[in-house]
PDB file of N, CA and C in Angstrom:
ATOM      1  N   MET A   1      32.401  12.504  -2.668  1.00  0.00           N
ATOM      2  CA  MET A   1      31.686  12.039  -1.468  1.00  0.00           C
ATOM      3  C   MET A   1      30.775  13.139  -0.938  1.00  0.00           C
ATOM      4  N   ILE A   2      31.311  14.376  -0.852  1.00  0.00           N
ATOM      5  CA  ILE A   2      30.512  15.483  -0.310  1.00  0.00           C
ATOM      6  C   ILE A   2      29.337  15.782  -1.239  1.00  0.00           C
ATOM      7  N   LEU A   3      29.619  15.868  -2.546  1.00  0.00           N
ATOM      8  CA  LEU A   3      28.541  16.148  -3.504  1.00  0.00           C
ATOM      9  C   LEU A   3      27.515  15.032  -3.465  1.00  0.00           C
ATOM     10  N   TRP A   4      27.979  13.776  -3.336  1.00  0.00           N
ATOM     11  CA  TRP A   4      27.052  12.641  -3.280  1.00  0.00           C
ATOM     12  C   TRP A   4      26.193  12.738  -2.030  1.00  0.00           C
ATOM     13  N   ALA A   5      26.800  13.141  -0.906  1.00  0.00           N
ATOM     14  CA  ALA A   5      26.050  13.265   0.347  1.00  0.00           C
ATOM     15  C   ALA A   5      24.989  14.362   0.199  1.00  0.00           C
ATOM     16  N   LEU A   6      25.365  15.488  -0.413  1.00  0.00           N
ATOM     17  CA  LEU A   6      24.398  16.579  -0.607  1.00  0.00           C
ATOM     18  C   LEU A   6      23.264  16.113  -1.510  1.00  0.00           C
ATOM     19  N   GLY A   7      23.593  15.369  -2.567  1.00  0.00           N
ATOM     20  CA  GLY A   7      22.561  14.866  -3.475  1.00  0.00           C
ATOM     21  C   GLY A   7      21.651  13.895  -2.745  1.00  0.00           C
ATOM     22  N   LEU A   8      22.242  13.080  -1.866  1.00  0.00           N
ATOM     23  CA  LEU A   8      21.448  12.111  -1.108  1.00  0.00           C
ATOM     24  C   LEU A   8      20.477  12.839  -0.183  1.00  0.00           C
ATOM     25  N   VAL A   9      20.951  13.911   0.471  1.00  0.00           N
ATOM     26  CA  VAL A   9      20.088  14.664   1.390  1.00  0.00           C
ATOM     27  C   VAL A   9      19.003  15.409   0.618  1.00  0.00           C
ATOM     28  N   SER A  10      19.380  16.008  -0.522  1.00  0.00           N
ATOM     29  CA  SER A  10      18.407  16.784  -1.307  1.00  0.00           C
ATOM     30  C   SER A  10      17.339  15.871  -1.895  1.00  0.00           C
ATOM     31  N   SER A  11      17.698  14.640  -2.250  1.00  0.00           N
ATOM     32  CA  SER A  11      16.720  13.707  -2.831  1.00  0.00           C
ATOM     33  C   SER A  11      16.358  12.645  -1.807  1.00  0.00           C
ATOM     34  N   TYR A  12      16.091  13.074  -0.568  1.00  0.00           N
ATOM     35  CA  TYR A  12      15.762  12.125   0.501  1.00  0.00           C
ATOM     36  C   TYR A  12      14.327  11.641   0.307  1.00  0.00           C
ATOM     37  N   SER A  13      14.174  10.659  -0.598  1.00  0.00           N
ATOM     38  CA  SER A  13      12.846  10.094  -0.865  1.00  0.00           C
ATOM     39  C   SER A  13      13.042   8.623  -1.203  1.00  0.00           C
ATOM     40  N   MET A  14      12.260   8.085  -2.128  1.00  0.00           N
ATOM     41  CA  MET A  14      12.449   6.687  -2.534  1.00  0.00           C
ATOM     42  C   MET A  14      13.853   6.500  -3.091  1.00  0.00           C
ATOM     43  N   GLY A  15      14.297   7.443  -3.929  1.00  0.00           N
ATOM     44  CA  GLY A  15      15.650   7.360  -4.486  1.00  0.00           C
ATOM     45  C   GLY A  15      16.676   7.388  -3.372  1.00  0.00           C
ATOM     46  N   GLY A  16      16.461   8.248  -2.373  1.00  0.00           N
ATOM     47  CA  GLY A  16      17.398   8.338  -1.251  1.00  0.00           C
ATOM     48  C   GLY A  16      17.461   7.025  -0.502  1.00  0.00           C
ATOM     49  N   LEU A  17      16.301   6.407  -0.305  1.00  0.00           N
ATOM     50  CA  LEU A  17      16.273   5.130   0.420  1.00  0.00           C
ATOM     51  C   LEU A  17      17.038   4.074  -0.362  1.00  0.00           C
ATOM     52  N   ILE A  18      16.889   4.101  -1.701  1.00  0.00           N
ATOM     53  CA  ILE A  18      17.601   3.116  -2.531  1.00  0.00           C
ATOM     54  C   ILE A  18      19.107   3.324  -2.384  1.00  0.00           C
ATOM     55  N   HIS A  19      19.551   4.586  -2.399  1.00  0.00           N
ATOM     56  CA  HIS A  19      20.980   4.865  -2.244  1.00  0.00           C
ATOM     57  C   HIS A  19      21.469   4.363  -0.889  1.00  0.00           C
ATOM     58  N   ILE A  20      20.664   4.578   0.158  1.00  0.00           N
ATOM     59  CA  ILE A  20      21.053   4.135   1.502  1.00  0.00           C
ATOM     60  C   ILE A  20      21.199   2.616   1.518  1.00  0.00           C
ATOM     61  N   LEU A  21      20.252   1.919   0.886  1.00  0.00           N
ATOM     62  CA  LEU A  21      20.319   0.451   0.852  1.00  0.00           C
ATOM     63  C   LEU A  21      21.579   0.008   0.116  1.00  0.00           C
ATOM     64  N   LEU A  22      21.917   0.692  -0.984  1.00  0.00           N
ATOM     65  CA  LEU A  22      23.123   0.329  -1.740  1.00  0.00           C
ATOM     66  C   LEU A  22      24.357   0.548  -0.874  1.00  0.00           C
ATOM     67  N   VAL A  23      24.407   1.667  -0.156  1.00  0.00           N
ATOM     68  CA  VAL A  23      25.559   1.959   0.703  1.00  0.00           C
ATOM     69  C   VAL A  23      25.681   0.899   1.793  1.00  0.00           C
ATOM     70  N   VAL A  24      24.554   0.535   2.404  1.00  0.00           N
ATOM     71  CA  VAL A  24      24.574  -0.480   3.468  1.00  0.00           C
ATOM     72  C   VAL A  24      25.101  -1.796   2.916  1.00  0.00           C
ATOM     73  N   ALA A  25      24.655  -2.173   1.715  1.00  0.00           N
ATOM     74  CA  ALA A  25      25.103  -3.428   1.106  1.00  0.00           C
ATOM     75  C   ALA A  25      26.606  -3.379   0.850  1.00  0.00           C
ATOM     76  N   ILE A  26      27.098  -2.253   0.329  1.00  0.00           N
ATOM     77  CA  ILE A  26      28.532  -2.112   0.050  1.00  0.00           C
ATOM     78  C   ILE A  26      29.329  -2.192   1.343  1.00  0.00           C
ATOM     79  N   VAL A  27      28.855  -1.524   2.396  1.00  0.00           N
ATOM     80  CA  VAL A  27      29.559  -1.545   3.684  1.00  0.00           C
ATOM     81  C   VAL A  27      29.626  -2.971   4.221  1.00  0.00           C
ATOM     82  N   MET A  28      28.515  -3.699   4.132  1.00  0.00           N
ATOM     83  CA  MET A  28      28.493  -5.078   4.634  1.00  0.00           C
ATOM     84  C   MET A  28      29.498  -5.936   3.873  1.00  0.00           C
ATOM     85  N   ILE A  29      29.581  -5.742   2.550  1.00  0.00           N
ATOM     86  CA  ILE A  29      30.530  -6.513   1.734  1.00  0.00           C
ATOM     87  C   ILE A  29      31.958  -6.166   2.148  1.00  0.00           C
ATOM     88  N   LEU A  30      32.245  -4.875   2.343  1.00  0.00           N
ATOM     89  CA  LEU A  30      33.593  -4.461   2.742  1.00  0.00           C
ATOM     90  C   LEU A  30      33.946  -5.063   4.093  1.00  0.00           C
ATOM     91  N   VAL A  31      32.999  -5.075   5.026  1.00  0.00           N
ATOM     92  CA  VAL A  31      33.254  -5.640   6.359  1.00  0.00           C
ATOM     93  C   VAL A  31      33.589  -7.120   6.234  1.00  0.00           C
ATOM     94  N   ARG A  32      32.845  -7.835   5.389  1.00  0.00           N
ATOM     95  CA  ARG A  32      33.106  -9.272   5.214  1.00  0.00           C
ATOM     96  C   ARG A  32      34.489  -9.490   4.629  1.00  0.00           C
ATOM     97  N   VAL A  33      34.877  -8.654   3.653  1.00  0.00           N
ATOM     98  CA  VAL A  33      36.198  -8.781   3.024  1.00  0.00           C
ATOM     99  C   VAL A  33      37.291  -8.521   4.053  1.00  0.00           C
ATOM    100  N   ILE A  34      37.116  -7.465   4.865  1.00  0.00           N
ATOM    101  CA  ILE A  34      38.122  -7.129   5.882  1.00  0.00           C
ATOM    102  C   ILE A  34      38.233  -8.257   6.899  1.00  0.00           C
ATOM    103  N   GLN A  35      37.095  -8.776   7.358  1.00  0.00           N
ATOM    104  CA  GLN A  35      37.122  -9.865   8.335  1.00  0.00           C
ATOM    105  C   GLN A  35      37.785 -11.091   7.721  1.00  0.00           C
ATOM    106  N   GLY A  36      37.503 -11.369   6.458  1.00  0.00           N
ATOM    107  CA  GLY A  36      38.097 -12.520   5.788  1.00  0.00           C
ATOM    108  C   GLY A  36      39.609 -12.379   5.717  1.00  0.00           C
ATOM    109  N   ARG A  37      40.096 -11.159   5.444  1.00  0.00           N
ATOM    110  CA  ARG A  37      41.543 -10.940   5.368  1.00  0.00           C
ATOM    111  C   ARG A  37      42.175 -11.090   6.745  1.00  0.00           C
ATOM    112  N   ARG A  38      41.496 -10.582   7.777  1.00  0.00           N
ATOM    113  CA  ARG A  38      42.057 -10.679   9.129  1.00  0.00           C
ATOM    114  C   ARG A  38      42.153 -12.132   9.561  1.00  0.00           C
ATOM    115  N   ILE A  39      41.136 -12.921   9.220  1.00  0.00           N
ATOM    116  CA  ILE A  39      41.142 -14.326   9.622  1.00  0.00           C
ATOM    117  C   ILE A  39      42.175 -15.065   8.764  1.00  0.00           C
TER     118      ILE A  39
END
């Protein structure tokens, strides 16, 4: 996680934006799964 964060900061460009979008998508999926389990 730490190395990935450093790589994300060092390559803060188009690639960085793509990584951010992937992380956001994964977080949204996890939130939906957690909410589904709670319900």
